[in-house]
Amino acid sequence: MYSASAYSFGEYNLPVSQKSISTVAAQLRTNIQTVIIGKNDVIDLALVALLCEGHILIEDVPGIGKTTLAKAIARSLNCTYKRIQFTPDLLPSDVTGISFFNQKQQAFEFRAGPIFAQVVLADEINRATPRTQSALLEAMQERQVTVEGEPMSLVRPFLVMATQNPIELEGTFPLPEAQIDRFLLRISMGYPDEEEEHRILARFERLDPFETLKPVVEVEDLIALQTQVRTVRVERTVTDYIVKLCRSTRTAQGAQIGVSPRGTMALYRAAQAIASIRGRDFVLPDDVKMLAPYVLAHRIVVDGQSRLRGRKAEDILRDVLERTPVPVDAV
């Protein structure tokens, strides 16, 4: 999709607070690429989610590297990592945790669930019942969990990477719109090409590179960059373009539900993040146009007649992008 820019060696030796976001992103990308081969665009989208404090929904077949990506991100940031295997018998308390009576201490204690990790892989999230799926709603939006009426804050950074298999639908429960809207991005990793598959075999022939993967950015530094990315300039013409795109999805032919204001804000923040990763302190319309399919498509609900004709949300969004004029004086 796009390649990493070249950076001077000296800048890598500076404290993170003095580095540009693009330099830190390049360090993270290079580190993750030691275990994820040939997915530069996917890695950069994951970095966008990290900088925006957003979450990722990955729709793809098994064995593509979804779990490896989540573990590589956590290891690169020195973050805690937990994997939740969603199944029909999974309970909300299995996600959030439970309070139990400790007979030895003669007091109630809270046993934290896996949601309290900083990077959470929600594997096959659509296999759990809606009741269990909803256990993630508060955590994803407000970064807290309420157990027995007591709110508990989650540690920053907090990233949920949820996966679902788009092919195997038997025994699954569709994600509610309220939950889908909480994912900043929906992506697909896709199969590697022939050359990349040869490189995967060579890389993993003797040693699993994940075993030697080291952190390259500390949590405190990432949190500082999350604040810094909000200073990226977005001209009024680009803001108007973002708003027009999102509003047009609500009246587009074939759309039952369009993009929510949360989606508008998500596209705005994601554009700031991708601009900073690319080494700019301003957003271009091309940033918005490139991110729109990942940020907006999953927020569009197609009406029944259009579904019967085989139209998808991506088709509706493509029409919206083609019909919405791109500003030419954005900078």
C-alpha atoms as a PDB file:
ATOM      1  CA  MET A   1       0.000   0.000   0.000  1.00  0.00           C
ATOM      2  CA  TYR A   2       2.847   2.319   0.911  1.00  0.00           C
ATOM      3  CA  SER A   3       6.368   1.874   2.131  1.00  0.00           C
ATOM      4  CA  ALA A   4       8.272   3.114   5.135  1.00  0.00           C
ATOM      5  CA  SER A   5      10.242   6.304   4.633  1.00  0.00           C
ATOM      6  CA  ALA A   6      13.980   6.413   5.143  1.00  0.00           C
ATOM      7  CA  TYR A   7      15.152   7.835   8.465  1.00  0.00           C
ATOM      8  CA  SER A   8      18.556   8.932   9.680  1.00  0.00           C
ATOM      9  CA  PHE A   9      20.342   6.520  11.963  1.00  0.00           C
ATOM     10  CA  GLY A  10      21.009   9.252  14.508  1.00  0.00           C
ATOM     11  CA  GLU A  11      17.334   9.855  15.153  1.00  0.00           C
ATOM     12  CA  TYR A  12      16.915   6.265  16.367  1.00  0.00           C
ATOM     13  CA  ASN A  13      19.293   7.026  19.248  1.00  0.00           C
ATOM     14  CA  LEU A  14      17.255   9.937  20.602  1.00  0.00           C
ATOM     15  CA  PRO A  15      14.885   9.625  23.564  1.00  0.00           C
ATOM     16  CA  VAL A  16      11.408   8.724  22.334  1.00  0.00           C
ATOM     17  CA  SER A  17      10.066  12.102  23.464  1.00  0.00           C
ATOM     18  CA  GLN A  18      12.369  13.766  20.898  1.00  0.00           C
ATOM     19  CA  LYS A  19      11.601  11.419  18.019  1.00  0.00           C
ATOM     20  CA  SER A  20       8.925  11.919  15.401  1.00  0.00           C
ATOM     21  CA  ILE A  21       5.941   9.584  15.381  1.00  0.00           C
ATOM     22  CA  SER A  22       7.056   8.318  11.976  1.00  0.00           C
ATOM     23  CA  THR A  23      10.430   7.261  13.409  1.00  0.00           C
ATOM     24  CA  VAL A  24       8.857   5.346  16.299  1.00  0.00           C
ATOM     25  CA  ALA A  25       6.360   3.789  13.884  1.00  0.00           C
ATOM     26  CA  ALA A  26       9.244   2.671  11.673  1.00  0.00           C
ATOM     27  CA  GLN A  27      10.925   1.026  14.673  1.00  0.00           C
ATOM     28  CA  LEU A  28       7.719  -0.806  15.595  1.00  0.00           C
ATOM     29  CA  ARG A  29       7.085  -1.815  11.982  1.00  0.00           C
ATOM     30  CA  THR A  30      10.593  -3.208  11.571  1.00  0.00           C
ATOM     31  CA  ASN A  31      10.334  -5.143  14.820  1.00  0.00           C
ATOM     32  CA  ILE A  32       6.937  -6.649  13.976  1.00  0.00           C
ATOM     33  CA  GLN A  33       8.153  -7.542  10.476  1.00  0.00           C
ATOM     34  CA  THR A  34      10.587 -10.037  11.994  1.00  0.00           C
ATOM     35  CA  VAL A  35       7.579 -12.315  12.626  1.00  0.00           C
ATOM     36  CA  ILE A  36       4.966 -10.948  10.171  1.00  0.00           C
ATOM     37  CA  ILE A  37       6.212 -11.229   6.596  1.00  0.00           C
ATOM     38  CA  GLY A  38       5.049  -8.888   3.839  1.00  0.00           C
ATOM     39  CA  LYS A  39       2.091  -7.191   5.550  1.00  0.00           C
ATOM     40  CA  ASN A  40       3.329  -3.594   5.755  1.00  0.00           C
ATOM     41  CA  ASP A  41      -0.133  -2.147   5.143  1.00  0.00           C
ATOM     42  CA  VAL A  42      -1.722  -4.294   7.871  1.00  0.00           C
ATOM     43  CA  ILE A  43       1.035  -3.401  10.335  1.00  0.00           C
ATOM     44  CA  ASP A  44       0.608   0.310   9.622  1.00  0.00           C
ATOM     45  CA  LEU A  45      -3.152   0.036  10.129  1.00  0.00           C
ATOM     46  CA  ALA A  46      -2.490  -1.660  13.477  1.00  0.00           C
ATOM     47  CA  LEU A  47      -0.207   1.254  14.377  1.00  0.00           C
ATOM     48  CA  VAL A  48      -3.011   3.646  13.433  1.00  0.00           C
ATOM     49  CA  ALA A  49      -5.293   1.862  15.903  1.00  0.00           C
ATOM     50  CA  LEU A  50      -2.636   2.063  18.611  1.00  0.00           C
ATOM     51  CA  LEU A  51      -2.096   5.791  18.108  1.00  0.00           C
ATOM     52  CA  CYS A  52      -5.850   6.451  18.096  1.00  0.00           C
ATOM     53  CA  GLU A  53      -6.513   4.189  21.104  1.00  0.00           C
ATOM     54  CA  GLY A  54      -8.894   2.272  18.853  1.00  0.00           C
ATOM     55  CA  HIS A  55      -9.679  -1.399  18.301  1.00  0.00           C
ATOM     56  CA  ILE A  56      -9.387  -3.741  15.309  1.00  0.00           C
ATOM     57  CA  LEU A  57     -11.764  -6.316  13.839  1.00  0.00           C
ATOM     58  CA  ILE A  58      -9.937  -8.828  11.625  1.00  0.00           C
ATOM     59  CA  GLU A  59     -12.089 -10.868   9.250  1.00  0.00           C
ATOM     60  CA  ASP A  60     -10.047 -13.666   7.720  1.00  0.00           C
ATOM     61  CA  VAL A  61      -9.606 -17.407   7.499  1.00  0.00           C
ATOM     62  CA  PRO A  62      -7.544 -19.307  10.109  1.00  0.00           C
ATOM     63  CA  GLY A  63      -3.766 -19.563   9.845  1.00  0.00           C
ATOM     64  CA  ILE A  64      -3.113 -16.142   8.334  1.00  0.00           C
ATOM     65  CA  GLY A  65      -1.192 -14.729  11.316  1.00  0.00           C
ATOM     66  CA  LYS A  66      -3.806 -12.865  13.346  1.00  0.00           C
ATOM     67  CA  THR A  67      -2.648 -14.236  16.697  1.00  0.00           C
ATOM     68  CA  THR A  68       0.988 -13.688  15.784  1.00  0.00           C
ATOM     69  CA  LEU A  69       0.278 -10.044  14.939  1.00  0.00           C
ATOM     70  CA  ALA A  70      -1.407  -9.421  18.302  1.00  0.00           C
ATOM     71  CA  LYS A  71       1.425 -11.104  20.224  1.00  0.00           C
ATOM     72  CA  ALA A  72       4.075  -9.227  18.226  1.00  0.00           C
ATOM     73  CA  ILE A  73       2.430  -5.879  18.998  1.00  0.00           C
ATOM     74  CA  ALA A  74       2.253  -6.692  22.707  1.00  0.00           C
ATOM     75  CA  ARG A  75       5.874  -7.882  22.805  1.00  0.00           C
ATOM     76  CA  SER A  76       7.121  -4.835  20.844  1.00  0.00           C
ATOM     77  CA  LEU A  77       5.469  -2.505  23.374  1.00  0.00           C
ATOM     78  CA  ASN A  78       6.286  -4.579  26.453  1.00  0.00           C
ATOM     79  CA  CYS A  79       2.534  -4.813  27.147  1.00  0.00           C
ATOM     80  CA  THR A  80       0.526  -7.506  28.884  1.00  0.00           C
ATOM     81  CA  TYR A  81      -1.261  -9.845  26.485  1.00  0.00           C
ATOM     82  CA  LYS A  82      -4.241 -12.175  26.900  1.00  0.00           C
ATOM     83  CA  ARG A  83      -6.114 -14.337  24.420  1.00  0.00           C
ATOM     84  CA  ILE A  84      -9.810 -15.129  24.893  1.00  0.00           C
ATOM     85  CA  GLN A  85     -11.208 -18.024  22.880  1.00  0.00           C
ATOM     86  CA  PHE A  86     -14.857 -17.117  22.364  1.00  0.00           C
ATOM     87  CA  THR A  87     -17.196 -20.126  22.437  1.00  0.00           C
ATOM     88  CA  PRO A  88     -20.980 -20.504  22.879  1.00  0.00           C
ATOM     89  CA  ASP A  89     -20.556 -21.475  26.542  1.00  0.00           C
ATOM     90  CA  LEU A  90     -18.292 -18.536  27.431  1.00  0.00           C
ATOM     91  CA  LEU A  91     -19.818 -16.358  30.170  1.00  0.00           C
ATOM     92  CA  PRO A  92     -19.432 -12.585  30.650  1.00  0.00           C
ATOM     93  CA  SER A  93     -17.657 -13.259  33.953  1.00  0.00           C
ATOM     94  CA  ASP A  94     -15.088 -15.344  32.032  1.00  0.00           C
ATOM     95  CA  VAL A  95     -14.157 -12.118  30.263  1.00  0.00           C
ATOM     96  CA  THR A  96     -14.436  -9.488  32.990  1.00  0.00           C
ATOM     97  CA  GLY A  97     -13.608 -11.521  36.102  1.00  0.00           C
ATOM     98  CA  ILE A  98     -15.477 -12.543  39.259  1.00  0.00           C
ATOM     99  CA  SER A  99     -15.701 -11.696  42.949  1.00  0.00           C
ATOM    100  CA  PHE A 100     -15.402 -14.689  45.249  1.00  0.00           C
ATOM    101  CA  PHE A 101     -15.336 -15.241  48.993  1.00  0.00           C
ATOM    102  CA  ASN A 102     -11.874 -16.141  50.265  1.00  0.00           C
ATOM    103  CA  GLN A 103     -12.537 -18.361  53.267  1.00  0.00           C
ATOM    104  CA  LYS A 104      -8.943 -18.048  54.429  1.00  0.00           C
ATOM    105  CA  GLN A 105      -9.073 -14.254  54.477  1.00  0.00           C
ATOM    106  CA  GLN A 106     -12.785 -14.149  55.352  1.00  0.00           C
ATOM    107  CA  ALA A 107     -13.314 -11.455  52.725  1.00  0.00           C
ATOM    108  CA  PHE A 108     -14.445 -11.070  49.155  1.00  0.00           C
ATOM    109  CA  GLU A 109     -11.717 -10.823  46.534  1.00  0.00           C
ATOM    110  CA  PHE A 110     -11.818  -9.937  42.857  1.00  0.00           C
ATOM    111  CA  ARG A 111     -10.164 -12.235  40.349  1.00  0.00           C
ATOM    112  CA  ALA A 112      -9.527 -10.172  37.217  1.00  0.00           C
ATOM    113  CA  GLY A 113     -10.507 -11.621  33.852  1.00  0.00           C
ATOM    114  CA  PRO A 114      -8.410 -11.475  30.674  1.00  0.00           C
ATOM    115  CA  ILE A 115     -10.004  -8.160  29.659  1.00  0.00           C
ATOM    116  CA  PHE A 116      -7.617  -6.465  32.107  1.00  0.00           C
ATOM    117  CA  ALA A 117      -4.642  -7.048  29.792  1.00  0.00           C
ATOM    118  CA  GLN A 118      -3.338  -4.223  27.594  1.00  0.00           C
ATOM    119  CA  VAL A 119      -3.535  -6.191  24.328  1.00  0.00           C
ATOM    120  CA  VAL A 120      -6.522  -8.558  24.197  1.00  0.00           C
ATOM    121  CA  LEU A 121      -7.084 -11.005  21.352  1.00  0.00           C
ATOM    122  CA  ALA A 122     -10.790 -11.878  21.181  1.00  0.00           C
ATOM    123  CA  ASP A 123     -10.525 -14.932  18.967  1.00  0.00           C
ATOM    124  CA  GLU A 124     -13.624 -15.887  16.932  1.00  0.00           C
ATOM    125  CA  ILE A 125     -15.678 -13.316  18.771  1.00  0.00           C
ATOM    126  CA  ASN A 126     -18.839 -14.151  16.822  1.00  0.00           C
ATOM    127  CA  ARG A 127     -18.949 -17.663  18.328  1.00  0.00           C
ATOM    128  CA  ALA A 128     -19.996 -16.309  21.732  1.00  0.00           C
ATOM    129  CA  THR A 129     -23.572 -15.364  22.598  1.00  0.00           C
ATOM    130  CA  PRO A 130     -24.628 -11.698  22.359  1.00  0.00           C
ATOM    131  CA  ARG A 131     -24.672 -11.525  26.169  1.00  0.00           C
ATOM    132  CA  THR A 132     -20.989 -12.430  26.327  1.00  0.00           C
ATOM    133  CA  GLN A 133     -20.094 -10.241  23.357  1.00  0.00           C
ATOM    134  CA  SER A 134     -21.628  -7.284  25.194  1.00  0.00           C
ATOM    135  CA  ALA A 135     -19.130  -7.773  28.028  1.00  0.00           C
ATOM    136  CA  LEU A 136     -16.638  -5.971  25.771  1.00  0.00           C
ATOM    137  CA  LEU A 137     -18.824  -2.931  25.029  1.00  0.00           C
ATOM    138  CA  GLU A 138     -18.013  -0.856  28.101  1.00  0.00           C
ATOM    139  CA  ALA A 139     -14.354  -1.847  28.028  1.00  0.00           C
ATOM    140  CA  MET A 140     -13.901  -0.853  24.380  1.00  0.00           C
ATOM    141  CA  GLN A 141     -15.602   2.522  24.647  1.00  0.00           C
ATOM    142  CA  GLU A 142     -14.939   3.718  28.191  1.00  0.00           C
ATOM    143  CA  ARG A 143     -11.849   1.655  29.039  1.00  0.00           C
ATOM    144  CA  GLN A 144     -13.388   0.430  32.232  1.00  0.00           C
ATOM    145  CA  VAL A 145     -15.284  -2.641  33.437  1.00  0.00           C
ATOM    146  CA  THR A 146     -18.170  -2.635  35.911  1.00  0.00           C
ATOM    147  CA  VAL A 147     -18.347  -5.714  38.138  1.00  0.00           C
ATOM    148  CA  GLU A 148     -21.203  -5.911  40.662  1.00  0.00           C
ATOM    149  CA  GLY A 149     -21.785  -2.179  40.335  1.00  0.00           C
ATOM    150  CA  GLU A 150     -18.131  -1.276  40.909  1.00  0.00           C
ATOM    151  CA  PRO A 151     -16.308   0.442  37.982  1.00  0.00           C
ATOM    152  CA  MET A 152     -12.701  -0.633  37.440  1.00  0.00           C
ATOM    153  CA  SER A 153     -10.385   1.218  35.087  1.00  0.00           C
ATOM    154  CA  LEU A 154      -8.314  -0.622  32.492  1.00  0.00           C
ATOM    155  CA  VAL A 155      -4.614   0.050  32.062  1.00  0.00           C
ATOM    156  CA  ARG A 156      -3.515   2.117  29.066  1.00  0.00           C
ATOM    157  CA  PRO A 157      -2.797   1.398  26.326  1.00  0.00           C
ATOM    158  CA  PHE A 158      -5.767  -0.878  25.767  1.00  0.00           C
ATOM    159  CA  LEU A 159      -6.199  -2.610  22.413  1.00  0.00           C
ATOM    160  CA  VAL A 160      -8.805  -5.223  21.504  1.00  0.00           C
ATOM    161  CA  MET A 161      -8.060  -7.252  18.378  1.00  0.00           C
ATOM    162  CA  ALA A 162     -11.120  -9.347  17.581  1.00  0.00           C
ATOM    163  CA  THR A 163     -11.207 -11.997  14.874  1.00  0.00           C
ATOM    164  CA  GLN A 164     -13.998 -13.717  13.018  1.00  0.00           C
ATOM    165  CA  ASN A 165     -14.057 -16.180  10.147  1.00  0.00           C
ATOM    166  CA  PRO A 166     -16.153 -14.705   7.295  1.00  0.00           C
ATOM    167  CA  ILE A 167     -16.632 -18.133   5.676  1.00  0.00           C
ATOM    168  CA  GLU A 168     -17.671 -20.459   8.493  1.00  0.00           C
ATOM    169  CA  LEU A 169     -20.957 -19.055   9.831  1.00  0.00           C
ATOM    170  CA  GLU A 170     -22.551 -22.156  11.357  1.00  0.00           C
ATOM    171  CA  GLY A 171     -22.936 -21.782  15.125  1.00  0.00           C
ATOM    172  CA  THR A 172     -22.067 -18.085  15.120  1.00  0.00           C
ATOM    173  CA  PHE A 173     -23.882 -14.971  16.366  1.00  0.00           C
ATOM    174  CA  PRO A 174     -23.656 -11.765  14.308  1.00  0.00           C
ATOM    175  CA  LEU A 175     -22.026  -8.882  16.143  1.00  0.00           C
ATOM    176  CA  PRO A 176     -24.558  -6.194  17.147  1.00  0.00           C
ATOM    177  CA  GLU A 177     -24.217  -2.837  15.415  1.00  0.00           C
ATOM    178  CA  ALA A 178     -23.324  -1.150  18.711  1.00  0.00           C
ATOM    179  CA  GLN A 179     -20.285  -3.380  19.018  1.00  0.00           C
ATOM    180  CA  ILE A 180     -19.190  -3.184  15.389  1.00  0.00           C
ATOM    181  CA  ASP A 181     -19.289   0.612  15.662  1.00  0.00           C
ATOM    182  CA  ARG A 182     -16.739   0.441  18.481  1.00  0.00           C
ATOM    183  CA  PHE A 183     -14.066  -1.010  16.215  1.00  0.00           C
ATOM    184  CA  LEU A 184     -11.926   1.721  14.713  1.00  0.00           C
ATOM    185  CA  LEU A 185     -10.859  -0.501  11.801  1.00  0.00           C
ATOM    186  CA  ARG A 186     -11.980  -3.646  10.052  1.00  0.00           C
ATOM    187  CA  ILE A 187      -9.182  -5.286   8.110  1.00  0.00           C
ATOM    188  CA  SER A 188      -8.280  -8.519   6.337  1.00  0.00           C
ATOM    189  CA  MET A 189      -4.706  -9.814   6.312  1.00  0.00           C
ATOM    190  CA  GLY A 190      -5.069 -11.987   3.222  1.00  0.00           C
ATOM    191  CA  TYR A 191      -2.857 -14.767   1.921  1.00  0.00           C
ATOM    192  CA  PRO A 192       0.852 -14.067   1.299  1.00  0.00           C
ATOM    193  CA  ASP A 193       2.083 -14.113  -2.263  1.00  0.00           C
ATOM    194  CA  GLU A 194       4.448 -16.848  -3.466  1.00  0.00           C
ATOM    195  CA  GLU A 195       7.645 -14.966  -2.642  1.00  0.00           C
ATOM    196  CA  GLU A 196       6.372 -14.041   0.821  1.00  0.00           C
ATOM    197  CA  GLU A 197       5.426 -17.644   1.525  1.00  0.00           C
ATOM    198  CA  HIS A 198       8.964 -18.748   0.650  1.00  0.00           C
ATOM    199  CA  ARG A 199      10.311 -16.095   3.034  1.00  0.00           C
ATOM    200  CA  ILE A 200       8.007 -17.353   5.797  1.00  0.00           C
ATOM    201  CA  LEU A 201       9.384 -20.875   5.401  1.00  0.00           C
ATOM    202  CA  ALA A 202      12.976 -19.593   5.447  1.00  0.00           C
ATOM    203  CA  ARG A 203      12.365 -17.339   8.462  1.00  0.00           C
ATOM    204  CA  PHE A 204      10.785 -20.078  10.559  1.00  0.00           C
ATOM    205  CA  GLU A 205      12.959 -22.957   9.301  1.00  0.00           C
ATOM    206  CA  ARG A 206      15.274 -23.276  12.310  1.00  0.00           C
ATOM    207  CA  LEU A 207      14.024 -20.881  14.987  1.00  0.00           C
ATOM    208  CA  ASP A 208      10.776 -19.137  15.811  1.00  0.00           C
ATOM    209  CA  PRO A 209      11.746 -15.430  15.546  1.00  0.00           C
ATOM    210  CA  PHE A 210       9.046 -14.556  18.067  1.00  0.00           C
ATOM    211  CA  GLU A 211      11.182 -16.142  20.797  1.00  0.00           C
ATOM    212  CA  THR A 212      13.838 -13.455  20.337  1.00  0.00           C
ATOM    213  CA  LEU A 213      11.467 -10.524  19.736  1.00  0.00           C
ATOM    214  CA  LYS A 214      12.345  -7.627  22.056  1.00  0.00           C
ATOM    215  CA  PRO A 215      10.413  -4.498  23.095  1.00  0.00           C
ATOM    216  CA  VAL A 216      11.367  -1.369  21.158  1.00  0.00           C
ATOM    217  CA  VAL A 217       8.949   1.185  22.652  1.00  0.00           C
ATOM    218  CA  GLU A 218       7.835   1.532  26.247  1.00  0.00           C
ATOM    219  CA  VAL A 219       4.212   1.982  27.240  1.00  0.00           C
ATOM    220  CA  GLU A 220       4.756   5.479  28.643  1.00  0.00           C
ATOM    221  CA  ASP A 221       6.276   6.608  25.356  1.00  0.00           C
ATOM    222  CA  LEU A 222       3.343   5.246  23.349  1.00  0.00           C
ATOM    223  CA  ILE A 223       0.881   7.108  25.581  1.00  0.00           C
ATOM    224  CA  ALA A 224       2.844  10.322  24.947  1.00  0.00           C
ATOM    225  CA  LEU A 225       2.665   9.693  21.193  1.00  0.00           C
ATOM    226  CA  GLN A 226      -1.106   9.115  21.440  1.00  0.00           C
ATOM    227  CA  THR A 227      -1.389  12.651  22.795  1.00  0.00           C
ATOM    228  CA  GLN A 228       1.059  14.038  20.250  1.00  0.00           C
ATOM    229  CA  VAL A 229      -0.820  12.619  17.252  1.00  0.00           C
ATOM    230  CA  ARG A 230      -3.835  14.807  18.064  1.00  0.00           C
ATOM    231  CA  THR A 231      -1.780  17.883  17.187  1.00  0.00           C
ATOM    232  CA  VAL A 232      -1.557  16.854  13.516  1.00  0.00           C
ATOM    233  CA  ARG A 233      -3.183  19.644  11.474  1.00  0.00           C
ATOM    234  CA  VAL A 234      -6.444  19.002   9.647  1.00  0.00           C
ATOM    235  CA  GLU A 235      -7.480  21.859   7.360  1.00  0.00           C
ATOM    236  CA  ARG A 236     -11.128  22.877   7.141  1.00  0.00           C
ATOM    237  CA  THR A 237     -11.370  21.607   3.569  1.00  0.00           C
ATOM    238  CA  VAL A 238     -10.257  18.128   4.715  1.00  0.00           C
ATOM    239  CA  THR A 239     -12.649  18.249   7.670  1.00  0.00           C
ATOM    240  CA  ASP A 240     -15.473  19.133   5.270  1.00  0.00           C
ATOM    241  CA  TYR A 241     -14.475  16.195   3.074  1.00  0.00           C
ATOM    242  CA  ILE A 242     -14.617  13.800   6.046  1.00  0.00           C
ATOM    243  CA  VAL A 243     -18.024  15.090   7.136  1.00  0.00           C
ATOM    244  CA  LYS A 244     -19.468  14.939   3.612  1.00  0.00           C
ATOM    245  CA  LEU A 245     -18.266  11.367   3.126  1.00  0.00           C
ATOM    246  CA  CYS A 246     -19.839  10.183   6.373  1.00  0.00           C
ATOM    247  CA  ARG A 247     -23.089  12.077   5.889  1.00  0.00           C
ATOM    248  CA  SER A 248     -23.430  10.785   2.344  1.00  0.00           C
ATOM    249  CA  THR A 249     -23.430   7.183   3.598  1.00  0.00           C
ATOM    250  CA  ARG A 250     -26.647   7.913   5.535  1.00  0.00           C
ATOM    251  CA  THR A 251     -28.588   8.804   2.389  1.00  0.00           C
ATOM    252  CA  ALA A 252     -26.780   6.520  -0.057  1.00  0.00           C
ATOM    253  CA  GLN A 253     -28.904   4.171  -2.139  1.00  0.00           C
ATOM    254  CA  GLY A 254     -28.941   0.715  -0.584  1.00  0.00           C
ATOM    255  CA  ALA A 255     -27.853   1.843   2.898  1.00  0.00           C
ATOM    256  CA  GLN A 256     -30.259   1.109   5.724  1.00  0.00           C
ATOM    257  CA  ILE A 257     -27.953   2.684   8.319  1.00  0.00           C
ATOM    258  CA  GLY A 258     -25.047   4.986   7.521  1.00  0.00           C
ATOM    259  CA  VAL A 259     -21.926   5.971   9.404  1.00  0.00           C
ATOM    260  CA  SER A 260     -22.489   7.310  12.916  1.00  0.00           C
ATOM    261  CA  PRO A 261     -20.848  10.453  14.337  1.00  0.00           C
ATOM    262  CA  ARG A 262     -18.502   8.078  16.164  1.00  0.00           C
ATOM    263  CA  GLY A 263     -17.431   6.876  12.714  1.00  0.00           C
ATOM    264  CA  THR A 264     -16.838  10.467  11.578  1.00  0.00           C
ATOM    265  CA  MET A 265     -14.570  11.042  14.558  1.00  0.00           C
ATOM    266  CA  ALA A 266     -12.834   7.708  13.942  1.00  0.00           C
ATOM    267  CA  LEU A 267     -11.985   8.680  10.356  1.00  0.00           C
ATOM    268  CA  TYR A 268     -10.701  12.083  11.537  1.00  0.00           C
ATOM    269  CA  ARG A 269      -8.435  10.547  14.196  1.00  0.00           C
ATOM    270  CA  ALA A 270      -7.236   7.751  11.916  1.00  0.00           C
ATOM    271  CA  ALA A 271      -6.290  10.300   9.236  1.00  0.00           C
ATOM    272  CA  GLN A 272      -4.204  12.200  11.798  1.00  0.00           C
ATOM    273  CA  ALA A 273      -2.462   8.964  12.755  1.00  0.00           C
ATOM    274  CA  ILE A 274      -1.640   7.817   9.214  1.00  0.00           C
ATOM    275  CA  ALA A 275      -0.344  11.287   8.329  1.00  0.00           C
ATOM    276  CA  SER A 276       2.018  11.229  11.323  1.00  0.00           C
ATOM    277  CA  ILE A 277       3.169   7.682  10.477  1.00  0.00           C
ATOM    278  CA  ARG A 278       3.987   8.939   6.987  1.00  0.00           C
ATOM    279  CA  GLY A 279       6.092  11.750   8.471  1.00  0.00           C
ATOM    280  CA  ARG A 280       3.696  14.675   7.999  1.00  0.00           C
ATOM    281  CA  ASP A 281       2.152  17.097  10.503  1.00  0.00           C
ATOM    282  CA  PHE A 282      -0.893  17.656   8.285  1.00  0.00           C
ATOM    283  CA  VAL A 283      -3.597  15.447   6.770  1.00  0.00           C
ATOM    284  CA  LEU A 284      -4.137  15.062   3.029  1.00  0.00           C
ATOM    285  CA  PRO A 285      -7.430  14.064   1.347  1.00  0.00           C
ATOM    286  CA  ASP A 286      -5.600  10.964   0.081  1.00  0.00           C
ATOM    287  CA  ASP A 287      -5.127   9.869   3.710  1.00  0.00           C
ATOM    288  CA  VAL A 288      -8.876  10.065   4.238  1.00  0.00           C
ATOM    289  CA  LYS A 289      -9.691   8.281   0.985  1.00  0.00           C
ATOM    290  CA  MET A 290      -7.220   5.460   1.695  1.00  0.00           C
ATOM    291  CA  LEU A 291      -8.575   4.868   5.223  1.00  0.00           C
ATOM    292  CA  ALA A 292     -12.288   5.136   4.403  1.00  0.00           C
ATOM    293  CA  PRO A 293     -12.817   1.439   3.464  1.00  0.00           C
ATOM    294  CA  TYR A 294     -11.196   0.278   6.705  1.00  0.00           C
ATOM    295  CA  VAL A 295     -12.911   2.810   8.983  1.00  0.00           C
ATOM    296  CA  LEU A 296     -16.350   3.259   7.412  1.00  0.00           C
ATOM    297  CA  ALA A 297     -17.431   0.120   5.510  1.00  0.00           C
ATOM    298  CA  HIS A 298     -18.220  -2.004   8.572  1.00  0.00           C
ATOM    299  CA  ARG A 299     -20.389   0.803   9.954  1.00  0.00           C
ATOM    300  CA  ILE A 300     -22.768   0.735   6.965  1.00  0.00           C
ATOM    301  CA  VAL A 301     -25.789  -1.571   7.159  1.00  0.00           C
ATOM    302  CA  VAL A 302     -27.092  -2.656   3.750  1.00  0.00           C
ATOM    303  CA  ASP A 303     -30.871  -2.838   3.319  1.00  0.00           C
ATOM    304  CA  GLY A 304     -32.618  -6.110   2.498  1.00  0.00           C
ATOM    305  CA  GLN A 305     -33.271  -5.481  -1.191  1.00  0.00           C
ATOM    306  CA  SER A 306     -29.669  -4.511  -1.867  1.00  0.00           C
ATOM    307  CA  ARG A 307     -28.414  -7.588  -0.039  1.00  0.00           C
ATOM    308  CA  LEU A 308     -30.606  -9.762  -2.228  1.00  0.00           C
ATOM    309  CA  ARG A 309     -29.017  -8.162  -5.280  1.00  0.00           C
ATOM    310  CA  GLY A 310     -25.564  -8.970  -3.910  1.00  0.00           C
ATOM    311  CA  ARG A 311     -24.544  -5.428  -2.979  1.00  0.00           C
ATOM    312  CA  LYS A 312     -22.201  -5.014  -0.027  1.00  0.00           C
ATOM    313  CA  ALA A 313     -21.296  -2.128   2.224  1.00  0.00           C
ATOM    314  CA  GLU A 314     -18.016  -1.795   0.333  1.00  0.00           C
ATOM    315  CA  ASP A 315     -19.964  -1.234  -2.907  1.00  0.00           C
ATOM    316  CA  ILE A 316     -22.048   1.527  -1.319  1.00  0.00           C
ATOM    317  CA  LEU A 317     -18.955   3.198   0.115  1.00  0.00           C
ATOM    318  CA  ARG A 318     -17.171   2.977  -3.240  1.00  0.00           C
ATOM    319  CA  ASP A 319     -20.058   4.865  -4.849  1.00  0.00           C
ATOM    320  CA  VAL A 320     -19.943   7.492  -2.103  1.00  0.00           C
ATOM    321  CA  LEU A 321     -16.191   7.960  -2.567  1.00  0.00           C
ATOM    322  CA  GLU A 322     -16.587   8.338  -6.333  1.00  0.00           C
ATOM    323  CA  ARG A 323     -19.388  10.900  -6.021  1.00  0.00           C
ATOM    324  CA  THR A 324     -17.856  13.049  -3.272  1.00  0.00           C
ATOM    325  CA  PRO A 325     -15.531  15.720  -4.690  1.00  0.00           C
ATOM    326  CA  VAL A 326     -11.980  15.560  -3.335  1.00  0.00           C
ATOM    327  CA  PRO A 327     -10.649  18.947  -2.165  1.00  0.00           C
ATOM    328  CA  VAL A 328      -7.651  20.110  -4.174  1.00  0.00           C
ATOM    329  CA  ASP A 329      -6.527  23.000  -1.913  1.00  0.00           C
ATOM    330  CA  ALA A 330      -6.246  21.000   1.325  1.00  0.00           C
ATOM    331  CA  VAL A 331      -2.741  22.190   2.246  1.00  0.00           C
END
